[in-house]
N, C-alpha and C. Protein backbone atom coordinates (compact mmCIF):
# COMPACT_ATOMS: atom_id res chain seq x y z
N MET A 1 0.84 -1.20 0.00
CA MET A 1 0.00 0.00 0.00
C MET A 1 0.87 1.25 0.00
N SER A 2 0.54 2.22 -0.83
CA SER A 2 1.31 3.46 -0.90
C SER A 2 0.93 4.39 0.25
N MET A 3 1.94 4.80 1.01
CA MET A 3 1.73 5.83 2.02
C MET A 3 1.76 7.21 1.39
N ILE A 4 2.59 7.32 0.34
CA ILE A 4 2.74 8.58 -0.39
C ILE A 4 2.61 8.29 -1.87
N ASP A 5 1.74 9.03 -2.55
CA ASP A 5 1.54 8.82 -3.98
C ASP A 5 1.43 10.19 -4.67
N VAL A 6 2.45 10.54 -5.40
CA VAL A 6 2.54 11.85 -6.05
C VAL A 6 2.49 11.67 -7.56
N LYS A 7 1.64 12.47 -8.21
CA LYS A 7 1.52 12.40 -9.66
C LYS A 7 1.45 13.80 -10.24
N GLY A 8 2.35 14.09 -11.16
CA GLY A 8 2.31 15.36 -11.90
C GLY A 8 2.39 16.59 -11.03
N LEU A 9 3.14 16.52 -9.94
CA LEU A 9 3.26 17.68 -9.05
C LEU A 9 4.15 18.75 -9.66
N ASN A 10 3.61 19.97 -9.72
CA ASN A 10 4.39 21.14 -10.11
C ASN A 10 4.28 22.17 -8.99
N PHE A 11 5.37 22.90 -8.75
CA PHE A 11 5.34 23.93 -7.71
C PHE A 11 6.30 25.05 -8.07
N ALA A 12 5.85 26.27 -7.86
CA ALA A 12 6.69 27.44 -8.16
C ALA A 12 6.51 28.48 -7.07
N PHE A 13 7.56 29.27 -6.88
CA PHE A 13 7.49 30.42 -5.98
C PHE A 13 7.33 31.68 -6.81
N GLY A 14 6.54 32.64 -6.29
CA GLY A 14 6.42 33.93 -6.94
C GLY A 14 5.44 33.93 -8.10
N GLN A 15 5.22 35.12 -8.65
CA GLN A 15 4.29 35.31 -9.76
C GLN A 15 4.96 36.13 -10.86
N GLY A 16 4.42 36.00 -12.07
CA GLY A 16 4.88 36.81 -13.20
C GLY A 16 6.37 36.66 -13.47
N GLU A 17 7.05 37.80 -13.60
CA GLU A 17 8.48 37.77 -13.91
C GLU A 17 9.31 37.20 -12.76
N LEU A 18 8.75 37.22 -11.57
CA LEU A 18 9.48 36.71 -10.40
C LEU A 18 9.23 35.22 -10.16
N ARG A 19 8.39 34.64 -10.99
CA ARG A 19 8.04 33.22 -10.81
C ARG A 19 9.27 32.33 -11.03
N ARG A 20 9.48 31.41 -10.09
CA ARG A 20 10.59 30.46 -10.22
C ARG A 20 10.08 29.04 -10.00
N GLN A 21 10.19 28.24 -11.05
CA GLN A 21 9.74 26.86 -10.97
C GLN A 21 10.67 26.07 -10.07
N VAL A 22 10.11 25.37 -9.08
CA VAL A 22 10.92 24.62 -8.12
C VAL A 22 10.79 23.12 -8.34
N LEU A 23 9.56 22.66 -8.59
CA LEU A 23 9.32 21.24 -8.85
C LEU A 23 8.57 21.09 -10.16
N THR A 24 8.98 20.12 -10.98
CA THR A 24 8.39 19.95 -12.30
C THR A 24 7.97 18.51 -12.54
N ASN A 25 6.66 18.31 -12.68
CA ASN A 25 6.11 17.01 -13.07
C ASN A 25 6.67 15.85 -12.23
N ILE A 26 6.55 16.00 -10.91
CA ILE A 26 7.07 14.98 -10.00
C ILE A 26 6.11 13.80 -9.90
N HIS A 27 6.65 12.61 -10.12
CA HIS A 27 5.91 11.37 -9.90
C HIS A 27 6.69 10.55 -8.88
N LEU A 28 6.02 10.13 -7.80
CA LEU A 28 6.72 9.43 -6.72
C LEU A 28 5.73 8.60 -5.92
N SER A 29 6.09 7.36 -5.67
CA SER A 29 5.26 6.49 -4.83
C SER A 29 6.15 5.83 -3.79
N ILE A 30 5.74 5.89 -2.51
CA ILE A 30 6.51 5.29 -1.43
C ILE A 30 5.58 4.36 -0.65
N GLU A 31 6.02 3.13 -0.46
CA GLU A 31 5.17 2.09 0.13
C GLU A 31 5.29 2.08 1.66
N THR A 32 4.37 1.41 2.28
CA THR A 32 4.37 1.24 3.73
C THR A 32 5.66 0.58 4.19
N GLY A 33 6.33 1.18 5.18
CA GLY A 33 7.54 0.61 5.75
C GLY A 33 8.79 0.81 4.94
N GLU A 34 8.69 1.50 3.81
CA GLU A 34 9.86 1.71 2.96
C GLU A 34 10.71 2.87 3.47
N ILE A 35 12.02 2.72 3.35
CA ILE A 35 12.95 3.80 3.69
C ILE A 35 13.55 4.33 2.40
N VAL A 36 13.25 5.59 2.10
CA VAL A 36 13.69 6.22 0.85
C VAL A 36 14.56 7.42 1.18
N ILE A 37 15.68 7.53 0.48
CA ILE A 37 16.55 8.70 0.61
C ILE A 37 16.43 9.54 -0.65
N LEU A 38 16.24 10.84 -0.45
CA LEU A 38 16.13 11.80 -1.55
C LEU A 38 17.39 12.65 -1.56
N THR A 39 18.16 12.54 -2.63
CA THR A 39 19.41 13.28 -2.75
C THR A 39 19.32 14.30 -3.89
N GLY A 40 20.36 15.10 -4.01
CA GLY A 40 20.41 16.10 -5.06
C GLY A 40 21.12 17.34 -4.58
N PRO A 41 21.58 18.19 -5.50
CA PRO A 41 22.32 19.39 -5.11
C PRO A 41 21.45 20.39 -4.37
N SER A 42 22.09 21.32 -3.67
CA SER A 42 21.36 22.38 -2.97
C SER A 42 20.53 23.17 -3.97
N GLY A 43 19.32 23.54 -3.56
CA GLY A 43 18.46 24.32 -4.44
C GLY A 43 17.69 23.51 -5.45
N SER A 44 17.74 22.18 -5.33
CA SER A 44 17.06 21.34 -6.32
C SER A 44 15.59 21.10 -6.01
N GLY A 45 15.13 21.54 -4.82
CA GLY A 45 13.71 21.41 -4.49
C GLY A 45 13.41 20.32 -3.48
N LYS A 46 14.44 19.72 -2.88
CA LYS A 46 14.23 18.58 -1.98
C LYS A 46 13.41 18.98 -0.75
N THR A 47 13.80 20.06 -0.09
CA THR A 47 13.10 20.48 1.12
C THR A 47 11.68 20.95 0.79
N THR A 48 11.51 21.61 -0.35
CA THR A 48 10.17 22.04 -0.77
C THR A 48 9.26 20.83 -0.94
N LEU A 49 9.76 19.79 -1.59
CA LEU A 49 8.98 18.57 -1.77
C LEU A 49 8.63 17.95 -0.41
N LEU A 50 9.60 17.93 0.49
CA LEU A 50 9.38 17.34 1.82
C LEU A 50 8.27 18.10 2.57
N THR A 51 8.30 19.42 2.49
CA THR A 51 7.29 20.21 3.21
C THR A 51 5.90 20.05 2.61
N ILE A 52 5.82 19.84 1.31
CA ILE A 52 4.51 19.57 0.68
C ILE A 52 3.99 18.22 1.13
N LEU A 53 4.85 17.20 1.14
CA LEU A 53 4.43 15.87 1.56
C LEU A 53 4.01 15.84 3.02
N GLY A 54 4.63 16.71 3.84
CA GLY A 54 4.31 16.75 5.25
C GLY A 54 3.15 17.65 5.61
N GLY A 55 2.50 18.23 4.59
CA GLY A 55 1.36 19.10 4.86
C GLY A 55 1.75 20.44 5.45
N LEU A 56 3.03 20.81 5.30
CA LEU A 56 3.51 22.08 5.83
C LEU A 56 3.45 23.19 4.79
N ARG A 57 3.29 22.80 3.53
CA ARG A 57 3.21 23.77 2.44
C ARG A 57 2.13 23.31 1.48
N LEU A 58 1.34 24.24 0.98
CA LEU A 58 0.21 23.89 0.12
C LEU A 58 0.61 23.91 -1.35
N ALA A 59 0.38 22.79 -2.02
CA ALA A 59 0.57 22.71 -3.47
C ALA A 59 -0.78 22.88 -4.17
N THR A 60 -0.76 23.44 -5.38
CA THR A 60 -2.00 23.72 -6.09
C THR A 60 -2.07 23.06 -7.46
N SER A 61 -1.07 22.22 -7.79
CA SER A 61 -1.05 21.61 -9.11
C SER A 61 -0.60 20.17 -9.02
N GLY A 62 -1.31 19.27 -9.70
CA GLY A 62 -0.96 17.86 -9.67
C GLY A 62 -1.74 17.15 -8.58
N SER A 63 -1.21 16.00 -8.16
CA SER A 63 -1.86 15.20 -7.12
C SER A 63 -0.83 14.76 -6.09
N VAL A 64 -1.15 14.96 -4.82
CA VAL A 64 -0.30 14.52 -3.72
C VAL A 64 -1.20 13.84 -2.69
N VAL A 65 -1.21 12.53 -2.71
CA VAL A 65 -2.03 11.76 -1.77
C VAL A 65 -1.12 11.17 -0.70
N VAL A 66 -1.33 11.59 0.54
CA VAL A 66 -0.55 11.11 1.67
C VAL A 66 -1.50 10.54 2.70
N LEU A 67 -1.25 9.29 3.09
CA LEU A 67 -2.13 8.60 4.04
C LEU A 67 -3.59 8.64 3.58
N GLY A 68 -3.76 8.54 2.27
CA GLY A 68 -5.10 8.51 1.70
C GLY A 68 -5.78 9.85 1.56
N GLU A 69 -5.08 10.93 1.91
CA GLU A 69 -5.65 12.28 1.84
C GLU A 69 -5.03 13.07 0.70
N GLN A 70 -5.86 13.73 -0.09
CA GLN A 70 -5.38 14.59 -1.17
C GLN A 70 -4.95 15.93 -0.57
N LEU A 71 -3.67 16.28 -0.74
CA LEU A 71 -3.15 17.50 -0.14
C LEU A 71 -3.14 18.69 -1.10
N VAL A 72 -3.25 18.45 -2.40
CA VAL A 72 -3.27 19.55 -3.36
C VAL A 72 -4.59 20.30 -3.22
N ARG A 73 -4.50 21.61 -3.05
CA ARG A 73 -5.67 22.48 -2.84
C ARG A 73 -6.52 22.00 -1.65
N SER A 74 -5.86 21.46 -0.65
CA SER A 74 -6.59 20.88 0.48
C SER A 74 -6.97 21.91 1.53
N GLU A 75 -7.92 21.56 2.35
CA GLU A 75 -8.30 22.39 3.50
C GLU A 75 -7.24 22.26 4.59
N THR A 76 -7.13 23.28 5.43
CA THR A 76 -6.17 23.25 6.53
C THR A 76 -6.41 22.04 7.43
N SER A 77 -7.65 21.70 7.68
CA SER A 77 -7.97 20.58 8.56
C SER A 77 -7.43 19.26 8.02
N THR A 78 -7.42 19.12 6.68
CA THR A 78 -6.88 17.90 6.06
C THR A 78 -5.39 17.81 6.30
N ARG A 79 -4.69 18.94 6.13
CA ARG A 79 -3.24 18.93 6.33
C ARG A 79 -2.88 18.70 7.79
N ILE A 80 -3.68 19.23 8.68
CA ILE A 80 -3.45 19.00 10.12
C ILE A 80 -3.61 17.52 10.45
N ALA A 81 -4.60 16.88 9.86
CA ALA A 81 -4.82 15.45 10.10
C ALA A 81 -3.62 14.63 9.65
N VAL A 82 -3.02 15.01 8.52
CA VAL A 82 -1.82 14.31 8.04
C VAL A 82 -0.63 14.60 8.95
N ARG A 83 -0.50 15.86 9.37
CA ARG A 83 0.62 16.22 10.25
C ARG A 83 0.58 15.46 11.57
N ARG A 84 -0.60 15.16 12.06
CA ARG A 84 -0.72 14.43 13.32
C ARG A 84 -0.24 12.99 13.21
N GLN A 85 -0.15 12.49 11.99
CA GLN A 85 0.33 11.12 11.77
C GLN A 85 1.73 11.09 11.16
N THR A 86 2.40 12.24 11.21
CA THR A 86 3.72 12.38 10.61
C THR A 86 4.72 12.86 11.65
N GLY A 87 5.89 12.22 11.68
CA GLY A 87 6.98 12.68 12.54
C GLY A 87 7.99 13.46 11.72
N TYR A 88 8.53 14.53 12.29
CA TYR A 88 9.48 15.39 11.57
C TYR A 88 10.82 15.43 12.31
N ILE A 89 11.90 15.33 11.55
CA ILE A 89 13.25 15.48 12.10
C ILE A 89 13.96 16.54 11.27
N PHE A 90 14.51 17.55 11.94
CA PHE A 90 15.11 18.67 11.24
C PHE A 90 16.62 18.72 11.48
N GLN A 91 17.32 19.38 10.58
CA GLN A 91 18.77 19.50 10.66
C GLN A 91 19.22 20.16 11.96
N GLN A 92 18.51 21.20 12.38
CA GLN A 92 18.91 21.97 13.55
C GLN A 92 18.21 21.53 14.83
N HIS A 93 17.65 20.34 14.83
CA HIS A 93 17.02 19.73 16.00
C HIS A 93 15.69 20.39 16.39
N ASN A 94 15.65 21.74 16.42
CA ASN A 94 14.43 22.47 16.80
C ASN A 94 13.91 22.05 18.17
N LEU A 95 14.81 21.88 19.11
CA LEU A 95 14.41 21.56 20.48
C LEU A 95 14.21 22.85 21.27
N PHE A 96 13.32 22.80 22.25
CA PHE A 96 13.12 23.95 23.13
C PHE A 96 14.23 23.95 24.18
N LEU A 97 15.03 25.01 24.19
CA LEU A 97 16.21 25.05 25.05
C LEU A 97 15.86 25.06 26.53
N SER A 98 14.67 25.55 26.86
CA SER A 98 14.28 25.65 28.27
C SER A 98 13.68 24.36 28.81
N LEU A 99 13.47 23.38 27.94
CA LEU A 99 12.84 22.13 28.34
C LEU A 99 13.85 20.99 28.40
N THR A 100 13.58 20.03 29.26
CA THR A 100 14.43 18.83 29.33
C THR A 100 14.16 17.93 28.13
N ALA A 101 15.00 16.91 27.98
CA ALA A 101 14.79 15.94 26.90
C ALA A 101 13.40 15.32 27.00
N THR A 102 13.01 14.93 28.21
CA THR A 102 11.68 14.34 28.41
C THR A 102 10.58 15.31 28.02
N GLU A 103 10.70 16.56 28.44
CA GLU A 103 9.67 17.56 28.15
C GLU A 103 9.60 17.86 26.66
N ASN A 104 10.76 17.87 25.96
CA ASN A 104 10.75 18.10 24.51
C ASN A 104 10.01 16.98 23.79
N VAL A 105 10.21 15.75 24.21
CA VAL A 105 9.53 14.62 23.58
C VAL A 105 8.04 14.64 23.91
N CYS A 106 7.70 15.03 25.13
CA CYS A 106 6.29 15.12 25.53
C CYS A 106 5.52 16.10 24.65
N MET A 107 6.20 17.14 24.16
CA MET A 107 5.53 18.14 23.33
C MET A 107 4.85 17.50 22.11
N ALA A 108 5.48 16.46 21.55
CA ALA A 108 4.92 15.81 20.37
C ALA A 108 3.61 15.09 20.70
N LEU A 109 3.46 14.67 21.94
CA LEU A 109 2.25 13.95 22.34
C LEU A 109 1.11 14.88 22.71
N GLU A 110 1.43 16.16 22.91
CA GLU A 110 0.38 17.11 23.27
C GLU A 110 -0.53 17.45 22.09
N LEU A 111 -0.10 17.05 20.88
CA LEU A 111 -0.95 17.21 19.70
C LEU A 111 -2.12 16.23 19.72
N HIS A 112 -1.97 15.20 20.54
CA HIS A 112 -2.98 14.16 20.62
C HIS A 112 -3.70 14.26 21.97
N ASP A 113 -4.99 14.06 21.95
CA ASP A 113 -5.77 14.15 23.19
C ASP A 113 -5.92 12.79 23.86
N LEU A 114 -5.12 11.83 23.45
CA LEU A 114 -5.31 10.46 23.90
C LEU A 114 -4.61 10.16 25.21
N PHE A 115 -3.65 11.02 25.62
CA PHE A 115 -2.79 10.66 26.72
C PHE A 115 -2.89 11.66 27.87
N SER A 116 -2.84 11.13 29.08
CA SER A 116 -2.73 11.99 30.26
C SER A 116 -1.29 12.46 30.38
N GLU A 117 -1.05 13.43 31.25
CA GLU A 117 0.32 13.92 31.44
C GLU A 117 1.23 12.80 31.92
N LYS A 118 0.75 11.97 32.82
CA LYS A 118 1.56 10.85 33.32
C LYS A 118 1.91 9.89 32.19
N GLU A 119 0.95 9.62 31.31
CA GLU A 119 1.20 8.72 30.18
C GLU A 119 2.20 9.33 29.21
N ARG A 120 2.08 10.63 28.97
CA ARG A 120 3.03 11.30 28.06
C ARG A 120 4.46 11.18 28.59
N VAL A 121 4.62 11.43 29.88
CA VAL A 121 5.95 11.35 30.49
C VAL A 121 6.49 9.92 30.40
N GLY A 122 5.63 8.95 30.65
CA GLY A 122 6.06 7.55 30.59
C GLY A 122 6.49 7.14 29.19
N LEU A 123 5.73 7.54 28.18
CA LEU A 123 6.08 7.22 26.80
C LEU A 123 7.36 7.93 26.37
N ALA A 124 7.52 9.19 26.79
CA ALA A 124 8.73 9.94 26.44
C ALA A 124 9.97 9.28 27.04
N ARG A 125 9.88 8.91 28.30
CA ARG A 125 11.03 8.27 28.96
C ARG A 125 11.34 6.91 28.33
N GLN A 126 10.29 6.20 27.92
CA GLN A 126 10.49 4.89 27.30
C GLN A 126 11.25 5.00 26.00
N ILE A 127 10.85 5.94 25.13
CA ILE A 127 11.53 6.02 23.83
C ILE A 127 12.90 6.66 23.95
N LEU A 128 13.08 7.57 24.91
CA LEU A 128 14.42 8.12 25.14
C LEU A 128 15.37 7.04 25.62
N THR A 129 14.86 6.11 26.39
CA THR A 129 15.67 4.96 26.80
C THR A 129 16.02 4.10 25.59
N GLN A 130 15.09 3.94 24.67
CA GLN A 130 15.33 3.14 23.47
C GLN A 130 16.41 3.75 22.59
N VAL A 131 16.54 5.07 22.61
CA VAL A 131 17.58 5.71 21.80
C VAL A 131 18.86 5.94 22.60
N GLY A 132 18.94 5.33 23.79
CA GLY A 132 20.18 5.35 24.56
C GLY A 132 20.38 6.56 25.44
N LEU A 133 19.30 7.25 25.80
CA LEU A 133 19.44 8.46 26.61
C LEU A 133 18.80 8.30 28.00
N GLU A 134 18.79 7.08 28.49
CA GLU A 134 18.14 6.83 29.79
C GLU A 134 18.81 7.59 30.94
N GLU A 135 20.08 7.99 30.75
CA GLU A 135 20.77 8.75 31.79
C GLU A 135 20.75 10.25 31.51
N ARG A 136 20.00 10.67 30.49
CA ARG A 136 19.95 12.08 30.11
C ARG A 136 18.51 12.60 30.07
N LEU A 137 17.61 11.93 30.74
CA LEU A 137 16.18 12.26 30.65
C LEU A 137 15.87 13.68 31.07
N GLU A 138 16.58 14.18 32.07
CA GLU A 138 16.30 15.51 32.62
C GLU A 138 17.33 16.54 32.18
N TYR A 139 18.14 16.21 31.19
CA TYR A 139 19.12 17.15 30.65
C TYR A 139 18.45 18.08 29.65
N ARG A 140 18.89 19.32 29.63
CA ARG A 140 18.43 20.28 28.62
C ARG A 140 19.36 20.23 27.41
N PRO A 141 18.89 20.73 26.24
CA PRO A 141 19.69 20.61 25.02
C PRO A 141 21.13 21.11 25.14
N GLN A 142 21.34 22.21 25.88
CA GLN A 142 22.70 22.74 26.02
C GLN A 142 23.64 21.78 26.74
N GLN A 143 23.07 20.84 27.48
CA GLN A 143 23.87 19.87 28.22
C GLN A 143 24.13 18.60 27.43
N LEU A 144 23.64 18.55 26.20
CA LEU A 144 23.77 17.36 25.36
C LEU A 144 24.68 17.62 24.17
N SER A 145 25.33 16.58 23.68
CA SER A 145 26.13 16.69 22.46
C SER A 145 25.22 16.78 21.25
N GLY A 146 25.80 17.10 20.09
CA GLY A 146 25.00 17.17 18.87
C GLY A 146 24.31 15.85 18.56
N GLY A 147 25.03 14.75 18.73
CA GLY A 147 24.44 13.44 18.48
C GLY A 147 23.31 13.12 19.44
N GLN A 148 23.50 13.52 20.71
CA GLN A 148 22.44 13.28 21.70
C GLN A 148 21.21 14.13 21.41
N ARG A 149 21.42 15.38 20.99
CA ARG A 149 20.27 16.23 20.64
C ARG A 149 19.50 15.64 19.47
N GLN A 150 20.23 15.08 18.50
CA GLN A 150 19.52 14.48 17.37
C GLN A 150 18.77 13.23 17.79
N ARG A 151 19.29 12.52 18.79
CA ARG A 151 18.55 11.37 19.32
C ARG A 151 17.25 11.82 19.98
N VAL A 152 17.29 12.95 20.68
CA VAL A 152 16.06 13.50 21.25
C VAL A 152 15.07 13.82 20.13
N SER A 153 15.57 14.39 19.03
CA SER A 153 14.71 14.71 17.88
C SER A 153 14.08 13.45 17.30
N ILE A 154 14.87 12.39 17.21
CA ILE A 154 14.36 11.11 16.70
C ILE A 154 13.30 10.57 17.64
N ALA A 155 13.57 10.63 18.94
CA ALA A 155 12.59 10.16 19.93
C ALA A 155 11.30 10.96 19.82
N ARG A 156 11.43 12.28 19.67
CA ARG A 156 10.24 13.13 19.54
C ARG A 156 9.44 12.78 18.29
N ALA A 157 10.14 12.49 17.20
CA ALA A 157 9.46 12.17 15.94
C ALA A 157 8.73 10.84 16.00
N LEU A 158 9.25 9.90 16.79
CA LEU A 158 8.71 8.54 16.79
C LEU A 158 7.79 8.23 17.96
N VAL A 159 7.76 9.10 18.98
CA VAL A 159 7.06 8.75 20.22
C VAL A 159 5.57 8.48 20.01
N SER A 160 4.95 9.15 19.07
CA SER A 160 3.51 8.96 18.84
C SER A 160 3.22 7.85 17.82
N ARG A 161 4.29 7.12 17.45
CA ARG A 161 4.18 6.04 16.46
C ARG A 161 3.53 6.51 15.16
N PRO A 162 4.13 7.51 14.53
CA PRO A 162 3.56 8.04 13.28
C PRO A 162 3.66 7.03 12.16
N LYS A 163 2.83 7.20 11.16
CA LYS A 163 2.88 6.30 10.01
C LYS A 163 3.99 6.70 9.04
N ILE A 164 4.37 7.98 9.08
CA ILE A 164 5.42 8.50 8.19
C ILE A 164 6.38 9.34 9.02
N VAL A 165 7.68 9.24 8.71
CA VAL A 165 8.68 10.14 9.27
C VAL A 165 9.39 10.84 8.11
N LEU A 166 9.44 12.17 8.18
CA LEU A 166 10.14 12.99 7.19
C LEU A 166 11.34 13.63 7.87
N ALA A 167 12.53 13.41 7.31
CA ALA A 167 13.76 13.91 7.92
C ALA A 167 14.52 14.78 6.92
N ASP A 168 14.83 16.01 7.33
CA ASP A 168 15.53 16.96 6.46
C ASP A 168 16.96 17.14 6.94
N GLU A 169 17.91 16.56 6.21
CA GLU A 169 19.34 16.64 6.54
C GLU A 169 19.60 16.28 8.01
N PRO A 170 19.16 15.12 8.47
CA PRO A 170 19.26 14.80 9.89
C PRO A 170 20.68 14.60 10.41
N THR A 171 21.66 14.41 9.50
CA THR A 171 23.03 14.17 9.96
C THR A 171 23.97 15.32 9.61
N ALA A 172 23.44 16.42 9.10
CA ALA A 172 24.29 17.49 8.58
C ALA A 172 25.24 18.07 9.62
N SER A 173 24.79 18.14 10.88
CA SER A 173 25.63 18.75 11.91
C SER A 173 26.38 17.72 12.76
N LEU A 174 26.38 16.46 12.30
CA LEU A 174 26.99 15.39 13.09
C LEU A 174 28.23 14.83 12.38
N ASP A 175 29.15 14.28 13.18
CA ASP A 175 30.30 13.61 12.59
C ASP A 175 29.86 12.25 12.04
N LYS A 176 30.77 11.55 11.38
CA LYS A 176 30.42 10.31 10.68
C LYS A 176 29.79 9.29 11.61
N ASN A 177 30.44 9.03 12.76
CA ASN A 177 29.94 8.00 13.66
C ASN A 177 28.59 8.38 14.26
N SER A 178 28.49 9.63 14.73
CA SER A 178 27.24 10.08 15.35
C SER A 178 26.10 10.07 14.33
N GLY A 179 26.39 10.50 13.10
CA GLY A 179 25.37 10.56 12.06
C GLY A 179 24.85 9.18 11.70
N HIS A 180 25.76 8.24 11.49
CA HIS A 180 25.32 6.91 11.11
C HIS A 180 24.59 6.23 12.26
N GLU A 181 25.06 6.46 13.47
CA GLU A 181 24.41 5.90 14.64
C GLU A 181 22.98 6.42 14.78
N ALA A 182 22.81 7.72 14.54
CA ALA A 182 21.48 8.33 14.67
C ALA A 182 20.50 7.74 13.66
N VAL A 183 20.92 7.61 12.40
CA VAL A 183 19.98 7.09 11.39
C VAL A 183 19.76 5.60 11.57
N GLU A 184 20.73 4.88 12.12
CA GLU A 184 20.52 3.45 12.40
C GLU A 184 19.47 3.28 13.48
N ILE A 185 19.51 4.14 14.50
CA ILE A 185 18.48 4.11 15.54
C ILE A 185 17.12 4.42 14.93
N LEU A 186 17.07 5.44 14.07
CA LEU A 186 15.82 5.80 13.39
C LEU A 186 15.30 4.62 12.57
N ARG A 187 16.18 4.01 11.79
CA ARG A 187 15.78 2.88 10.94
C ARG A 187 15.26 1.72 11.78
N SER A 188 15.98 1.38 12.84
CA SER A 188 15.61 0.24 13.67
C SER A 188 14.25 0.44 14.34
N LEU A 189 14.06 1.60 14.96
CA LEU A 189 12.81 1.86 15.67
C LEU A 189 11.64 1.95 14.70
N ALA A 190 11.87 2.59 13.54
CA ALA A 190 10.79 2.73 12.56
C ALA A 190 10.41 1.38 11.96
N LYS A 191 11.39 0.52 11.73
CA LYS A 191 11.11 -0.80 11.17
C LYS A 191 10.24 -1.62 12.11
N GLN A 192 10.43 -1.43 13.42
CA GLN A 192 9.63 -2.15 14.40
C GLN A 192 8.14 -1.83 14.24
N ASN A 193 7.86 -0.60 13.84
CA ASN A 193 6.47 -0.14 13.75
C ASN A 193 5.94 -0.06 12.33
N GLY A 194 6.76 -0.47 11.35
CA GLY A 194 6.33 -0.40 9.95
C GLY A 194 6.18 1.02 9.44
N THR A 195 6.98 1.94 10.02
CA THR A 195 6.90 3.35 9.65
C THR A 195 7.59 3.60 8.31
N THR A 196 6.98 4.42 7.48
CA THR A 196 7.58 4.85 6.21
C THR A 196 8.49 6.04 6.48
N ILE A 197 9.69 6.02 5.90
CA ILE A 197 10.67 7.08 6.16
C ILE A 197 11.14 7.69 4.84
N LEU A 198 11.14 9.01 4.78
CA LEU A 198 11.74 9.73 3.66
C LEU A 198 12.78 10.69 4.22
N ILE A 199 14.02 10.52 3.80
CA ILE A 199 15.14 11.32 4.30
C ILE A 199 15.72 12.14 3.16
N VAL A 200 15.78 13.46 3.35
CA VAL A 200 16.51 14.34 2.44
C VAL A 200 17.93 14.47 2.97
N THR A 201 18.93 14.21 2.13
CA THR A 201 20.30 14.28 2.62
C THR A 201 21.30 14.50 1.49
N HIS A 202 22.43 15.13 1.86
CA HIS A 202 23.61 15.17 1.00
C HIS A 202 24.64 14.15 1.47
N ASP A 203 24.35 13.47 2.56
CA ASP A 203 25.34 12.66 3.27
C ASP A 203 25.44 11.27 2.65
N TYR A 204 26.45 11.06 1.83
CA TYR A 204 26.62 9.78 1.16
C TYR A 204 26.93 8.66 2.16
N ARG A 205 27.32 9.03 3.39
CA ARG A 205 27.71 8.03 4.39
C ARG A 205 26.53 7.23 4.91
N ILE A 206 25.30 7.71 4.70
CA ILE A 206 24.14 7.01 5.25
C ILE A 206 23.28 6.36 4.17
N LEU A 207 23.75 6.37 2.94
CA LEU A 207 22.93 5.85 1.84
C LEU A 207 22.62 4.36 2.01
N ASP A 208 23.46 3.64 2.76
CA ASP A 208 23.28 2.20 2.88
C ASP A 208 22.07 1.80 3.71
N ILE A 209 21.43 2.75 4.42
CA ILE A 209 20.26 2.37 5.22
C ILE A 209 18.99 2.35 4.37
N ALA A 210 19.07 2.86 3.15
CA ALA A 210 17.86 3.05 2.34
C ALA A 210 17.47 1.81 1.56
N ASP A 211 16.16 1.63 1.39
CA ASP A 211 15.66 0.62 0.46
C ASP A 211 15.76 1.13 -0.98
N ARG A 212 15.71 2.46 -1.12
CA ARG A 212 15.70 3.07 -2.45
C ARG A 212 16.26 4.48 -2.36
N ILE A 213 17.00 4.90 -3.38
CA ILE A 213 17.57 6.26 -3.43
C ILE A 213 17.03 6.96 -4.67
N ILE A 214 16.52 8.18 -4.46
CA ILE A 214 15.94 8.97 -5.55
C ILE A 214 16.74 10.26 -5.66
N ASN A 215 17.05 10.67 -6.87
CA ASN A 215 17.81 11.90 -7.09
C ASN A 215 16.91 12.98 -7.69
N LEU A 216 16.97 14.15 -7.08
CA LEU A 216 16.19 15.31 -7.56
C LEU A 216 17.17 16.39 -7.98
N GLU A 217 17.06 16.82 -9.23
CA GLU A 217 17.98 17.83 -9.76
C GLU A 217 17.19 18.85 -10.57
N ASP A 218 17.36 20.12 -10.19
CA ASP A 218 16.62 21.21 -10.85
C ASP A 218 15.12 20.97 -10.85
N GLY A 219 14.62 20.42 -9.75
CA GLY A 219 13.19 20.19 -9.60
C GLY A 219 12.63 19.01 -10.35
N ILE A 220 13.53 18.16 -10.90
CA ILE A 220 13.11 17.00 -11.69
C ILE A 220 13.73 15.74 -11.11
N ILE A 221 12.93 14.69 -10.97
CA ILE A 221 13.47 13.40 -10.53
C ILE A 221 14.20 12.77 -11.72
N THR A 222 15.49 12.48 -11.49
CA THR A 222 16.33 11.92 -12.58
C THR A 222 16.60 10.45 -12.37
């Protein structure tokens, strides 16, 4: 079953003379549990595509069906529904500096009304332990290394057991060992839950974790 099904997607920034085509006639299908890496030079449209698939940016041309929902020209409520089932991992971690690792992970569960505060804390501590941070539960981001902060980001993305995880340059700020370790943890935990993963990266060192590698150049899949 396709978690992501894109057909004829076009996207541009600006209007008239300022219009710049970013994505051109994109066709892409990603199956349940598949790990796909999207590569390509800077400015090729990778992050734009990721934000459209994640319901963070609205596309108006073509077809983008994610988790069975059409996102092109969609209502805000539709995109919110998709976002609630999607985990995001960013290059710069995007952690709240004033919150502990546990509190940062709990934030992802506050989008859902299913859990009490006690349950949120329990789930956060459980997944932080799974990513090897059982001794850093009450540490704030400034007290953690870059690799540890990215592990918190991975825990936050996976704690609600999303159906899809979208990762934008997740190893860019990490050294070789920390980067590969982080994506291996992501791969292992996601495989346990049958989560679909799409990773945007320039990092050739992590290509071996992918089931499939797609190259995007000048807004075109090559």
